[in-house]
Structure formats: structure tokens, C-alpha cells
Amino acid sequence: MFTGIIETLGLISEIQQDGDNLHITVTSTITSELKIDQSVAHNGVCLTVVALNDNHYTVTAIKETLDKTNLSYWKKGDLVNLERAMKLGDRLDGHIVQGHVDQIGMCKSIQEANGSWYFAFEYDSTLTNITIEKGSITINGVSLTVVNSKANEFSVAIIPYTYEHTNFNSFEIGTKVNLEFDVVGKYVARLYALNQ
């Protein structure tokens, strides 16, 4: 479990194809604090550390993960948002994030707003995921509040700190992002669908 509060950025230093899997090596300031078998969220995707070496570590993504996330678009030199699993007893500063991406979204617009930014994203609504105004959404692992909710589109407001300390500052129109919808909302939507 995660909170959606990004600890640091990691740099993709190597990607190796192995059958249907990708072995992804990340250089990070938190590497010295990691251990083998530890879960780390990478742009909101929970991946297990499988190797450590100096200031970089390696994780493996399987086909299921590659099919549902933006990992297959990653390339050497990309920056990814990193968060280690939350500790029981700590404050939950974001919201409950599982690290299980529901689908990919695409950045539709970016609007600068006198010191902050509004980002709009669209997604495939046929997968039955939903957003609501003032509800929670996780974008590339960042816990955010929905500002404007439509059938297959929503917006979020980004403060300067988030813009500067996550990979939101590299987004362009067309950037593909990982979306994890609010876990409570997913259960409510599922129960509603079953009772129709």
C-alpha cells in the first residue's frame, strides 16, 4: 500500500527485454535504503526490487503490467516518480493507493494559472472506471484531487511543489500516464453494476 506522496525521482538507466518481461534499472537517491524483495511504486506501479548495485537497483515488469501501464513507453533517461510502501502508524498524507494501475490515460491539455497548473486527462471510459468532483485519483503515482469530472475526462490542479518534485514538469499534450482510480469508488461502481 502507498499514499501517493512521491519521495523522489528515479532515472531509468537501463532497460532489458527478457521474453515478455522487462528488467528496468533505476538510479535513485533512495537506493541505499532499499532491499531485495521490497515494493517500490514507479509512476504508481508497484514493482519488486530484484537486484541492488551501488546507487541503482533493478525491478522486473511482466506482460500483465506492461499491458496495463505506460511502462512499455519508458526509455533510458526518463524520470519516474518513486514511493516506498507506507509504514503502519504513519500519517496518510495522500490517499490509499494500491500500486495497481487500472489503465493508461493521456494528457489532453496543460494550462498555466498564475503559479499553478491545470492538467486535463482523457481515458477509455468503457473500462468502467469513474472520477467524481473532489474525489481522489492517482496519476503516475501522485495522489491528487479531481477538479473537473466528465464521462471520460477529468482535470487536476498542480501546485508548484508537486510540479517541481514529480515528473509532471515533463508532461506534454499526448503524454501517456498511469491512472489508478479511487479504490472505494471502484467498489461502489462494481456493486452498482452488479445490481443493475
N, C-alpha and C. Protein backbone atom coordinates (compact mmCIF):
# COMPACT_ATOMS: atom_id res chain seq x y z
N MET A 1 0.84 -1.19 0.00
CA MET A 1 0.00 0.00 0.00
C MET A 1 0.88 1.25 0.00
N PHE A 2 0.39 2.28 -0.69
CA PHE A 2 1.12 3.53 -0.83
C PHE A 2 0.19 4.69 -0.49
N THR A 3 0.75 5.89 -0.47
CA THR A 3 -0.05 7.07 -0.15
C THR A 3 -0.19 8.02 -1.33
N GLY A 4 0.64 7.87 -2.35
CA GLY A 4 0.61 8.80 -3.47
C GLY A 4 1.41 10.06 -3.21
N ILE A 5 2.22 10.05 -2.14
CA ILE A 5 3.11 11.18 -1.86
C ILE A 5 4.51 10.77 -2.34
N ILE A 6 4.97 11.39 -3.41
CA ILE A 6 6.22 11.00 -4.06
C ILE A 6 7.41 11.37 -3.19
N GLU A 7 8.33 10.40 -3.02
CA GLU A 7 9.53 10.64 -2.22
C GLU A 7 10.64 11.30 -3.02
N THR A 8 10.84 10.82 -4.23
CA THR A 8 11.94 11.30 -5.05
C THR A 8 11.71 10.87 -6.49
N LEU A 9 12.55 11.34 -7.38
CA LEU A 9 12.53 10.91 -8.78
C LEU A 9 13.65 9.91 -9.00
N GLY A 10 13.41 8.94 -9.85
CA GLY A 10 14.44 7.99 -10.26
C GLY A 10 14.73 8.14 -11.73
N LEU A 11 15.94 7.84 -12.14
CA LEU A 11 16.35 7.93 -13.54
C LEU A 11 16.46 6.52 -14.12
N ILE A 12 15.75 6.27 -15.21
CA ILE A 12 15.86 4.97 -15.89
C ILE A 12 17.24 4.90 -16.53
N SER A 13 18.08 3.98 -16.04
CA SER A 13 19.44 3.90 -16.57
C SER A 13 19.65 2.72 -17.51
N GLU A 14 18.74 1.75 -17.47
CA GLU A 14 18.86 0.61 -18.39
C GLU A 14 17.53 -0.13 -18.46
N ILE A 15 17.21 -0.64 -19.65
CA ILE A 15 16.02 -1.47 -19.85
C ILE A 15 16.44 -2.67 -20.67
N GLN A 16 16.15 -3.87 -20.16
CA GLN A 16 16.50 -5.10 -20.87
C GLN A 16 15.25 -5.94 -21.08
N GLN A 17 15.04 -6.35 -22.33
CA GLN A 17 13.93 -7.26 -22.66
C GLN A 17 14.35 -8.68 -22.34
N ASP A 18 13.46 -9.44 -21.71
CA ASP A 18 13.71 -10.85 -21.38
C ASP A 18 12.42 -11.62 -21.62
N GLY A 19 12.24 -12.13 -22.83
CA GLY A 19 10.97 -12.73 -23.20
C GLY A 19 9.90 -11.65 -23.20
N ASP A 20 8.80 -11.88 -22.48
CA ASP A 20 7.74 -10.89 -22.36
C ASP A 20 8.00 -9.89 -21.23
N ASN A 21 9.06 -10.08 -20.48
CA ASN A 21 9.36 -9.24 -19.31
C ASN A 21 10.34 -8.12 -19.66
N LEU A 22 10.30 -7.07 -18.83
CA LEU A 22 11.30 -6.01 -18.90
C LEU A 22 12.01 -5.92 -17.56
N HIS A 23 13.35 -5.91 -17.59
CA HIS A 23 14.15 -5.65 -16.41
C HIS A 23 14.55 -4.18 -16.50
N ILE A 24 14.13 -3.41 -15.52
CA ILE A 24 14.32 -1.96 -15.54
C ILE A 24 15.27 -1.57 -14.41
N THR A 25 16.37 -0.92 -14.76
CA THR A 25 17.34 -0.47 -13.77
C THR A 25 17.16 1.02 -13.55
N VAL A 26 17.08 1.40 -12.27
CA VAL A 26 16.78 2.77 -11.87
C VAL A 26 17.91 3.30 -10.99
N THR A 27 18.37 4.51 -11.26
CA THR A 27 19.33 5.19 -10.40
C THR A 27 18.54 6.14 -9.51
N SER A 28 18.81 6.06 -8.18
CA SER A 28 17.99 6.82 -7.26
C SER A 28 18.75 7.17 -5.99
N THR A 29 18.35 8.25 -5.34
CA THR A 29 18.94 8.65 -4.07
C THR A 29 18.48 7.77 -2.91
N ILE A 30 17.44 6.96 -3.10
CA ILE A 30 16.96 6.08 -2.02
C ILE A 30 17.47 4.65 -2.16
N THR A 31 18.28 4.38 -3.17
CA THR A 31 18.74 3.01 -3.42
C THR A 31 19.41 2.40 -2.19
N SER A 32 20.22 3.17 -1.48
CA SER A 32 20.95 2.63 -0.33
C SER A 32 20.01 2.19 0.80
N GLU A 33 18.77 2.66 0.77
CA GLU A 33 17.80 2.30 1.80
C GLU A 33 16.91 1.14 1.39
N LEU A 34 17.07 0.66 0.16
CA LEU A 34 16.23 -0.43 -0.34
C LEU A 34 16.83 -1.78 -0.02
N LYS A 35 16.00 -2.83 -0.15
CA LYS A 35 16.46 -4.19 0.00
C LYS A 35 15.77 -5.06 -1.04
N ILE A 36 16.36 -6.20 -1.33
CA ILE A 36 15.76 -7.15 -2.27
C ILE A 36 14.39 -7.56 -1.74
N ASP A 37 13.42 -7.72 -2.64
CA ASP A 37 12.03 -8.10 -2.35
C ASP A 37 11.18 -6.95 -1.85
N GLN A 38 11.73 -5.73 -1.78
CA GLN A 38 10.95 -4.59 -1.32
C GLN A 38 10.08 -4.05 -2.45
N SER A 39 8.90 -3.59 -2.10
CA SER A 39 7.99 -2.99 -3.07
C SER A 39 8.24 -1.49 -3.18
N VAL A 40 8.34 -1.02 -4.41
CA VAL A 40 8.51 0.41 -4.67
C VAL A 40 7.55 0.77 -5.81
N ALA A 41 6.82 1.88 -5.64
CA ALA A 41 5.94 2.35 -6.71
C ALA A 41 6.74 3.21 -7.68
N HIS A 42 6.65 2.87 -8.96
CA HIS A 42 7.33 3.58 -10.05
C HIS A 42 6.24 4.17 -10.94
N ASN A 43 6.07 5.49 -10.92
CA ASN A 43 4.95 6.11 -11.63
C ASN A 43 3.63 5.43 -11.24
N GLY A 44 3.55 5.02 -9.96
CA GLY A 44 2.33 4.42 -9.45
C GLY A 44 2.22 2.93 -9.63
N VAL A 45 3.22 2.30 -10.23
CA VAL A 45 3.20 0.85 -10.46
C VAL A 45 4.04 0.17 -9.39
N CYS A 46 3.43 -0.71 -8.63
CA CYS A 46 4.15 -1.45 -7.59
C CYS A 46 5.03 -2.51 -8.24
N LEU A 47 6.35 -2.37 -8.07
CA LEU A 47 7.31 -3.32 -8.62
C LEU A 47 8.26 -3.76 -7.51
N THR A 48 8.76 -4.99 -7.63
CA THR A 48 9.61 -5.57 -6.60
C THR A 48 11.09 -5.41 -6.97
N VAL A 49 11.89 -4.97 -6.00
CA VAL A 49 13.33 -4.84 -6.20
C VAL A 49 13.93 -6.24 -6.30
N VAL A 50 14.64 -6.52 -7.40
CA VAL A 50 15.23 -7.86 -7.60
C VAL A 50 16.75 -7.84 -7.57
N ALA A 51 17.36 -6.65 -7.67
CA ALA A 51 18.83 -6.54 -7.62
C ALA A 51 19.21 -5.14 -7.16
N LEU A 52 20.33 -5.07 -6.44
CA LEU A 52 20.89 -3.79 -5.96
C LEU A 52 22.35 -3.71 -6.35
N ASN A 53 22.80 -2.52 -6.77
CA ASN A 53 24.20 -2.34 -7.14
C ASN A 53 24.54 -0.85 -7.03
N ASP A 54 25.31 -0.50 -6.01
CA ASP A 54 25.71 0.89 -5.77
C ASP A 54 24.48 1.78 -5.65
N ASN A 55 24.35 2.78 -6.54
CA ASN A 55 23.23 3.71 -6.42
C ASN A 55 22.07 3.37 -7.36
N HIS A 56 22.07 2.16 -7.91
CA HIS A 56 20.94 1.77 -8.75
C HIS A 56 20.43 0.39 -8.37
N TYR A 57 19.19 0.15 -8.75
CA TYR A 57 18.52 -1.12 -8.45
C TYR A 57 17.70 -1.54 -9.67
N THR A 58 17.29 -2.81 -9.67
CA THR A 58 16.55 -3.35 -10.80
C THR A 58 15.22 -3.93 -10.33
N VAL A 59 14.19 -3.70 -11.14
CA VAL A 59 12.87 -4.28 -10.94
C VAL A 59 12.47 -4.99 -12.23
N THR A 60 11.51 -5.90 -12.14
CA THR A 60 11.05 -6.63 -13.31
C THR A 60 9.56 -6.40 -13.51
N ALA A 61 9.16 -6.08 -14.73
CA ALA A 61 7.75 -5.92 -15.08
C ALA A 61 7.35 -7.04 -16.02
N ILE A 62 6.25 -7.73 -15.69
CA ILE A 62 5.75 -8.82 -16.52
C ILE A 62 4.76 -8.29 -17.55
N LYS A 63 4.34 -9.16 -18.47
CA LYS A 63 3.46 -8.76 -19.57
C LYS A 63 2.16 -8.11 -19.07
N GLU A 64 1.55 -8.68 -18.03
CA GLU A 64 0.31 -8.11 -17.48
C GLU A 64 0.51 -6.65 -17.09
N THR A 65 1.62 -6.36 -16.44
CA THR A 65 1.92 -4.99 -16.03
C THR A 65 2.17 -4.11 -17.25
N LEU A 66 2.92 -4.61 -18.21
CA LEU A 66 3.22 -3.83 -19.41
C LEU A 66 1.96 -3.52 -20.21
N ASP A 67 1.00 -4.46 -20.22
CA ASP A 67 -0.24 -4.27 -20.97
C ASP A 67 -1.14 -3.18 -20.37
N LYS A 68 -1.06 -2.97 -19.05
CA LYS A 68 -2.00 -2.06 -18.38
C LYS A 68 -1.39 -0.73 -17.95
N THR A 69 -0.10 -0.54 -18.21
CA THR A 69 0.58 0.67 -17.72
C THR A 69 1.36 1.33 -18.86
N ASN A 70 2.02 2.43 -18.53
CA ASN A 70 2.83 3.12 -19.55
C ASN A 70 4.28 2.65 -19.55
N LEU A 71 4.60 1.56 -18.83
CA LEU A 71 5.99 1.10 -18.74
C LEU A 71 6.59 0.76 -20.09
N SER A 72 5.79 0.26 -21.01
CA SER A 72 6.34 -0.11 -22.32
C SER A 72 6.79 1.11 -23.12
N TYR A 73 6.40 2.32 -22.69
CA TYR A 73 6.83 3.56 -23.34
C TYR A 73 8.09 4.13 -22.71
N TRP A 74 8.51 3.58 -21.58
CA TRP A 74 9.69 4.11 -20.90
C TRP A 74 10.94 3.91 -21.74
N LYS A 75 11.88 4.84 -21.60
CA LYS A 75 13.16 4.70 -22.29
C LYS A 75 14.28 5.19 -21.37
N LYS A 76 15.47 4.80 -21.69
CA LYS A 76 16.64 5.22 -20.92
C LYS A 76 16.67 6.74 -20.84
N GLY A 77 16.89 7.26 -19.63
CA GLY A 77 16.95 8.70 -19.42
C GLY A 77 15.65 9.30 -18.90
N ASP A 78 14.55 8.52 -18.91
CA ASP A 78 13.28 9.02 -18.38
C ASP A 78 13.36 9.15 -16.86
N LEU A 79 12.62 10.12 -16.32
CA LEU A 79 12.48 10.27 -14.88
C LEU A 79 11.15 9.69 -14.44
N VAL A 80 11.16 8.90 -13.36
CA VAL A 80 9.94 8.30 -12.85
C VAL A 80 9.74 8.69 -11.39
N ASN A 81 8.48 8.82 -10.99
CA ASN A 81 8.13 9.13 -9.61
C ASN A 81 8.30 7.87 -8.76
N LEU A 82 8.96 8.00 -7.60
CA LEU A 82 9.22 6.86 -6.72
C LEU A 82 8.59 7.07 -5.35
N GLU A 83 8.00 6.00 -4.83
CA GLU A 83 7.49 5.98 -3.46
C GLU A 83 7.64 4.58 -2.89
N ARG A 84 8.23 4.50 -1.70
CA ARG A 84 8.28 3.22 -0.99
C ARG A 84 6.95 2.97 -0.29
N ALA A 85 6.67 1.71 0.01
CA ALA A 85 5.41 1.36 0.67
C ALA A 85 5.28 2.09 1.99
N MET A 86 4.03 2.41 2.34
CA MET A 86 3.80 3.16 3.58
C MET A 86 4.03 2.27 4.79
N LYS A 87 4.37 2.90 5.91
CA LYS A 87 4.55 2.19 7.18
C LYS A 87 3.28 2.31 8.00
N LEU A 88 2.86 1.23 8.63
CA LEU A 88 1.71 1.30 9.52
C LEU A 88 2.04 2.25 10.66
N GLY A 89 1.10 3.09 11.00
CA GLY A 89 1.31 4.05 12.07
C GLY A 89 1.71 5.42 11.58
N ASP A 90 2.13 5.53 10.31
CA ASP A 90 2.46 6.85 9.76
C ASP A 90 1.18 7.58 9.35
N ARG A 91 1.29 8.89 9.21
CA ARG A 91 0.16 9.66 8.71
C ARG A 91 -0.09 9.30 7.24
N LEU A 92 -1.36 9.26 6.88
CA LEU A 92 -1.74 9.01 5.49
C LEU A 92 -1.95 10.38 4.84
N ASP A 93 -0.87 10.97 4.32
CA ASP A 93 -0.95 12.32 3.79
C ASP A 93 -1.64 12.40 2.43
N GLY A 94 -1.63 11.33 1.67
CA GLY A 94 -2.31 11.32 0.38
C GLY A 94 -3.64 10.61 0.51
N HIS A 95 -3.80 9.51 -0.22
CA HIS A 95 -4.96 8.64 -0.03
C HIS A 95 -4.49 7.20 -0.22
N ILE A 96 -5.35 6.24 0.01
CA ILE A 96 -4.95 4.84 -0.11
C ILE A 96 -4.72 4.50 -1.57
N VAL A 97 -3.49 4.13 -1.88
CA VAL A 97 -3.08 3.79 -3.24
C VAL A 97 -2.53 2.36 -3.22
N GLN A 98 -3.02 1.51 -4.10
CA GLN A 98 -2.59 0.11 -4.11
C GLN A 98 -1.35 -0.14 -4.94
N GLY A 99 -1.04 0.74 -5.86
CA GLY A 99 0.07 0.48 -6.77
C GLY A 99 -0.33 -0.45 -7.90
N HIS A 100 -1.64 -0.61 -8.10
CA HIS A 100 -2.19 -1.45 -9.17
C HIS A 100 -2.89 -0.53 -10.18
N VAL A 101 -2.20 -0.20 -11.22
CA VAL A 101 -2.71 0.74 -12.22
C VAL A 101 -3.92 0.14 -12.93
N ASP A 102 -4.97 0.95 -13.08
CA ASP A 102 -6.19 0.49 -13.73
C ASP A 102 -6.13 0.62 -15.24
N GLN A 103 -5.54 1.70 -15.72
CA GLN A 103 -5.44 1.92 -17.15
C GLN A 103 -4.55 3.11 -17.44
N ILE A 104 -4.26 3.30 -18.71
CA ILE A 104 -3.47 4.44 -19.17
C ILE A 104 -4.41 5.59 -19.53
N GLY A 105 -4.00 6.80 -19.20
CA GLY A 105 -4.70 8.00 -19.64
C GLY A 105 -3.76 8.82 -20.50
N MET A 106 -4.30 9.86 -21.13
CA MET A 106 -3.47 10.71 -21.98
C MET A 106 -3.70 12.18 -21.62
N CYS A 107 -2.62 12.91 -21.52
CA CYS A 107 -2.71 14.34 -21.22
C CYS A 107 -3.35 15.06 -22.41
N LYS A 108 -4.44 15.75 -22.13
CA LYS A 108 -5.20 16.42 -23.18
C LYS A 108 -4.90 17.92 -23.26
N SER A 109 -4.64 18.53 -22.10
CA SER A 109 -4.32 19.96 -22.10
C SER A 109 -3.55 20.32 -20.84
N ILE A 110 -2.76 21.38 -20.95
CA ILE A 110 -1.99 21.93 -19.83
C ILE A 110 -2.22 23.44 -19.84
N GLN A 111 -2.70 23.95 -18.70
CA GLN A 111 -2.99 25.38 -18.60
C GLN A 111 -2.27 25.96 -17.40
N GLU A 112 -1.39 26.94 -17.65
CA GLU A 112 -0.71 27.63 -16.57
C GLU A 112 -1.69 28.63 -15.96
N ALA A 113 -1.72 28.70 -14.63
CA ALA A 113 -2.73 29.52 -13.95
C ALA A 113 -2.09 30.39 -12.87
N ASN A 114 -1.21 31.30 -13.28
CA ASN A 114 -0.60 32.28 -12.38
C ASN A 114 0.08 31.60 -11.19
N GLY A 115 0.95 30.65 -11.49
CA GLY A 115 1.73 30.00 -10.43
C GLY A 115 1.35 28.56 -10.16
N SER A 116 0.24 28.11 -10.68
CA SER A 116 -0.13 26.69 -10.60
C SER A 116 -0.51 26.23 -12.00
N TRP A 117 -0.90 24.98 -12.12
CA TRP A 117 -1.21 24.42 -13.44
C TRP A 117 -2.47 23.56 -13.35
N TYR A 118 -3.23 23.56 -14.44
CA TYR A 118 -4.35 22.63 -14.60
C TYR A 118 -3.98 21.66 -15.72
N PHE A 119 -4.05 20.38 -15.40
CA PHE A 119 -3.80 19.33 -16.38
C PHE A 119 -5.11 18.58 -16.61
N ALA A 120 -5.49 18.39 -17.86
CA ALA A 120 -6.67 17.60 -18.19
C ALA A 120 -6.21 16.29 -18.82
N PHE A 121 -6.88 15.21 -18.47
CA PHE A 121 -6.56 13.88 -18.97
C PHE A 121 -7.82 13.21 -19.50
N GLU A 122 -7.65 12.42 -20.56
CA GLU A 122 -8.77 11.61 -21.05
C GLU A 122 -8.40 10.15 -20.94
N TYR A 123 -9.42 9.30 -20.83
CA TYR A 123 -9.21 7.87 -20.67
C TYR A 123 -10.37 7.11 -21.29
N ASP A 124 -10.18 5.83 -21.50
CA ASP A 124 -11.19 4.97 -22.09
C ASP A 124 -12.25 4.65 -21.04
N SER A 125 -13.44 5.24 -21.18
CA SER A 125 -14.49 5.05 -20.19
C SER A 125 -15.20 3.70 -20.31
N THR A 126 -14.93 2.94 -21.36
CA THR A 126 -15.57 1.63 -21.50
C THR A 126 -15.03 0.62 -20.48
N LEU A 127 -13.93 0.96 -19.80
CA LEU A 127 -13.37 0.07 -18.78
C LEU A 127 -14.05 0.27 -17.43
N THR A 128 -15.10 1.08 -17.38
CA THR A 128 -15.97 1.33 -16.22
C THR A 128 -15.30 2.04 -15.06
N ASN A 129 -14.16 2.65 -15.25
CA ASN A 129 -13.56 3.47 -14.20
C ASN A 129 -14.22 4.84 -14.23
N ILE A 130 -14.34 5.45 -13.05
CA ILE A 130 -15.02 6.74 -12.96
C ILE A 130 -14.24 7.69 -12.05
N THR A 131 -14.46 8.98 -12.26
CA THR A 131 -13.97 10.00 -11.34
C THR A 131 -15.17 10.80 -10.87
N ILE A 132 -15.01 11.48 -9.73
CA ILE A 132 -16.02 12.41 -9.24
C ILE A 132 -15.33 13.68 -8.79
N GLU A 133 -16.05 14.80 -8.85
CA GLU A 133 -15.51 16.07 -8.38
C GLU A 133 -15.07 15.94 -6.93
N LYS A 134 -13.88 16.40 -6.61
CA LYS A 134 -13.28 16.36 -5.28
C LYS A 134 -12.92 14.95 -4.83
N GLY A 135 -13.04 13.98 -5.74
CA GLY A 135 -12.61 12.61 -5.43
C GLY A 135 -11.12 12.46 -5.65
N SER A 136 -10.60 11.31 -5.27
CA SER A 136 -9.16 11.04 -5.40
C SER A 136 -8.85 10.34 -6.71
N ILE A 137 -7.68 10.64 -7.25
CA ILE A 137 -7.14 9.97 -8.43
C ILE A 137 -5.64 9.91 -8.25
N THR A 138 -5.03 8.85 -8.76
CA THR A 138 -3.57 8.75 -8.74
C THR A 138 -3.07 8.80 -10.17
N ILE A 139 -2.20 9.77 -10.46
CA ILE A 139 -1.62 9.93 -11.80
C ILE A 139 -0.12 9.75 -11.68
N ASN A 140 0.41 8.73 -12.36
CA ASN A 140 1.84 8.41 -12.27
C ASN A 140 2.29 8.33 -10.81
N GLY A 141 1.41 7.79 -9.96
CA GLY A 141 1.75 7.59 -8.56
C GLY A 141 1.50 8.78 -7.66
N VAL A 142 1.05 9.91 -8.21
CA VAL A 142 0.83 11.12 -7.43
C VAL A 142 -0.63 11.19 -6.99
N SER A 143 -0.86 11.28 -5.67
CA SER A 143 -2.20 11.42 -5.12
C SER A 143 -2.73 12.82 -5.39
N LEU A 144 -3.89 12.90 -6.08
CA LEU A 144 -4.44 14.19 -6.47
C LEU A 144 -5.95 14.23 -6.28
N THR A 145 -6.49 15.43 -6.30
CA THR A 145 -7.93 15.64 -6.19
C THR A 145 -8.48 16.04 -7.55
N VAL A 146 -9.58 15.39 -7.95
CA VAL A 146 -10.23 15.69 -9.23
C VAL A 146 -10.90 17.05 -9.13
N VAL A 147 -10.62 17.92 -10.12
CA VAL A 147 -11.19 19.26 -10.17
C VAL A 147 -12.43 19.28 -11.05
N ASN A 148 -12.36 18.64 -12.18
CA ASN A 148 -13.45 18.68 -13.16
C ASN A 148 -13.63 17.27 -13.70
N SER A 149 -14.79 16.69 -13.47
CA SER A 149 -15.04 15.30 -13.86
C SER A 149 -16.07 15.22 -14.97
N LYS A 150 -15.71 14.47 -16.03
CA LYS A 150 -16.64 14.21 -17.13
C LYS A 150 -16.62 12.70 -17.40
N ALA A 151 -17.38 12.26 -18.38
CA ALA A 151 -17.54 10.82 -18.64
C ALA A 151 -16.22 10.11 -18.90
N ASN A 152 -15.34 10.69 -19.67
CA ASN A 152 -14.07 10.04 -19.97
C ASN A 152 -12.91 11.01 -19.85
N GLU A 153 -13.07 12.01 -19.00
CA GLU A 153 -12.07 13.07 -18.89
C GLU A 153 -12.16 13.69 -17.50
N PHE A 154 -11.04 14.18 -17.02
CA PHE A 154 -11.02 14.90 -15.74
C PHE A 154 -9.82 15.84 -15.73
N SER A 155 -9.83 16.77 -14.78
CA SER A 155 -8.73 17.70 -14.61
C SER A 155 -8.23 17.65 -13.17
N VAL A 156 -6.98 18.04 -12.99
CA VAL A 156 -6.39 18.19 -11.65
C VAL A 156 -5.62 19.50 -11.62
N ALA A 157 -5.51 20.07 -10.43
CA ALA A 157 -4.72 21.28 -10.24
C ALA A 157 -3.41 20.89 -9.58
N ILE A 158 -2.31 21.41 -10.09
CA ILE A 158 -0.97 21.07 -9.61
C ILE A 158 -0.31 22.30 -9.01
N ILE A 159 0.09 22.18 -7.74
CA ILE A 159 0.79 23.27 -7.07
C ILE A 159 2.26 23.27 -7.48
N PRO A 160 2.97 24.38 -7.26
CA PRO A 160 4.37 24.44 -7.67
C PRO A 160 5.24 23.33 -7.08
N TYR A 161 5.05 22.98 -5.81
CA TYR A 161 5.89 21.94 -5.19
C TYR A 161 5.74 20.62 -5.94
N THR A 162 4.51 20.22 -6.23
CA THR A 162 4.28 18.97 -6.96
C THR A 162 4.87 19.05 -8.36
N TYR A 163 4.69 20.18 -9.02
CA TYR A 163 5.22 20.36 -10.37
C TYR A 163 6.73 20.21 -10.38
N GLU A 164 7.40 20.75 -9.38
CA GLU A 164 8.87 20.75 -9.34
C GLU A 164 9.45 19.42 -8.86
N HIS A 165 8.72 18.66 -8.04
CA HIS A 165 9.27 17.46 -7.41
C HIS A 165 8.72 16.15 -7.96
N THR A 166 7.98 16.20 -9.06
CA THR A 166 7.49 14.99 -9.72
C THR A 166 7.75 15.13 -11.22
N ASN A 167 7.40 14.10 -11.98
CA ASN A 167 7.61 14.22 -13.43
C ASN A 167 6.47 14.94 -14.15
N PHE A 168 5.56 15.58 -13.40
CA PHE A 168 4.55 16.42 -14.05
C PHE A 168 5.20 17.52 -14.89
N ASN A 169 6.38 17.98 -14.48
CA ASN A 169 7.03 19.06 -15.23
C ASN A 169 7.55 18.62 -16.60
N SER A 170 7.49 17.31 -16.88
CA SER A 170 7.91 16.82 -18.20
C SER A 170 6.71 16.48 -19.09
N PHE A 171 5.50 16.60 -18.57
CA PHE A 171 4.31 16.25 -19.35
C PHE A 171 4.11 17.21 -20.51
N GLU A 172 3.65 16.64 -21.62
CA GLU A 172 3.24 17.42 -22.79
C GLU A 172 1.87 16.91 -23.20
N ILE A 173 1.21 17.63 -24.06
CA ILE A 173 -0.05 17.12 -24.61
C ILE A 173 0.27 15.82 -25.36
N GLY A 174 -0.45 14.76 -25.03
CA GLY A 174 -0.21 13.44 -25.62
C GLY A 174 0.57 12.51 -24.72
N THR A 175 1.16 13.02 -23.62
CA THR A 175 1.90 12.15 -22.70
C THR A 175 0.95 11.09 -22.11
N LYS A 176 1.39 9.85 -22.15
CA LYS A 176 0.60 8.75 -21.59
C LYS A 176 0.99 8.56 -20.13
N VAL A 177 -0.02 8.45 -19.26
CA VAL A 177 0.20 8.36 -17.83
C VAL A 177 -0.53 7.16 -17.24
N ASN A 178 -0.05 6.70 -16.09
CA ASN A 178 -0.71 5.62 -15.36
C ASN A 178 -1.81 6.20 -14.48
N LEU A 179 -2.99 5.59 -14.53
CA LEU A 179 -4.11 6.03 -13.71
C LEU A 179 -4.53 4.92 -12.76
N GLU A 180 -4.60 5.25 -11.48
CA GLU A 180 -5.22 4.36 -10.50
C GLU A 180 -6.39 5.12 -9.91
N PHE A 181 -7.59 4.62 -10.16
CA PHE A 181 -8.79 5.27 -9.68
C PHE A 181 -9.01 4.94 -8.21
N ASP A 182 -9.79 5.76 -7.53
CA ASP A 182 -10.03 5.61 -6.10
C ASP A 182 -10.60 4.22 -5.79
N VAL A 183 -9.98 3.52 -4.84
CA VAL A 183 -10.36 2.14 -4.53
C VAL A 183 -11.80 2.05 -4.04
N VAL A 184 -12.24 3.00 -3.24
CA VAL A 184 -13.62 2.98 -2.75
C VAL A 184 -14.59 3.18 -3.92
N GLY A 185 -14.27 4.12 -4.79
CA GLY A 185 -15.10 4.36 -5.96
C GLY A 185 -15.21 3.14 -6.85
N LYS A 186 -14.11 2.38 -6.97
CA LYS A 186 -14.14 1.17 -7.82
C LYS A 186 -15.10 0.14 -7.24
N TYR A 187 -15.09 -0.03 -5.91
CA TYR A 187 -16.01 -0.99 -5.28
C TYR A 187 -17.46 -0.55 -5.44
N VAL A 188 -17.72 0.75 -5.26
CA VAL A 188 -19.08 1.26 -5.41
C VAL A 188 -19.57 1.06 -6.85
N ALA A 189 -18.72 1.37 -7.82
CA ALA A 189 -19.09 1.20 -9.23
C ALA A 189 -19.36 -0.26 -9.54
N ARG A 190 -18.55 -1.16 -8.99
CA ARG A 190 -18.74 -2.59 -9.22
C ARG A 190 -20.05 -3.08 -8.61
N LEU A 191 -20.34 -2.67 -7.39
CA LEU A 191 -21.59 -3.07 -6.72
C LEU A 191 -22.79 -2.53 -7.48
N TYR A 192 -22.70 -1.30 -7.94
CA TYR A 192 -23.78 -0.70 -8.72
C TYR A 192 -24.03 -1.49 -10.00
N ALA A 193 -22.96 -1.85 -10.70
CA ALA A 193 -23.09 -2.62 -11.96
C ALA A 193 -23.71 -3.98 -11.71
N LEU A 194 -23.36 -4.63 -10.60
CA LEU A 194 -23.91 -5.95 -10.28
C LEU A 194 -25.39 -5.90 -9.96
N ASN A 195 -25.88 -4.77 -9.47
CA ASN A 195 -27.28 -4.64 -9.07
C ASN A 195 -28.15 -4.03 -10.15
N GLN A 196 -27.62 -3.85 -11.34
CA GLN A 196 -28.42 -3.31 -12.46
C GLN A 196 -29.08 -4.41 -13.25
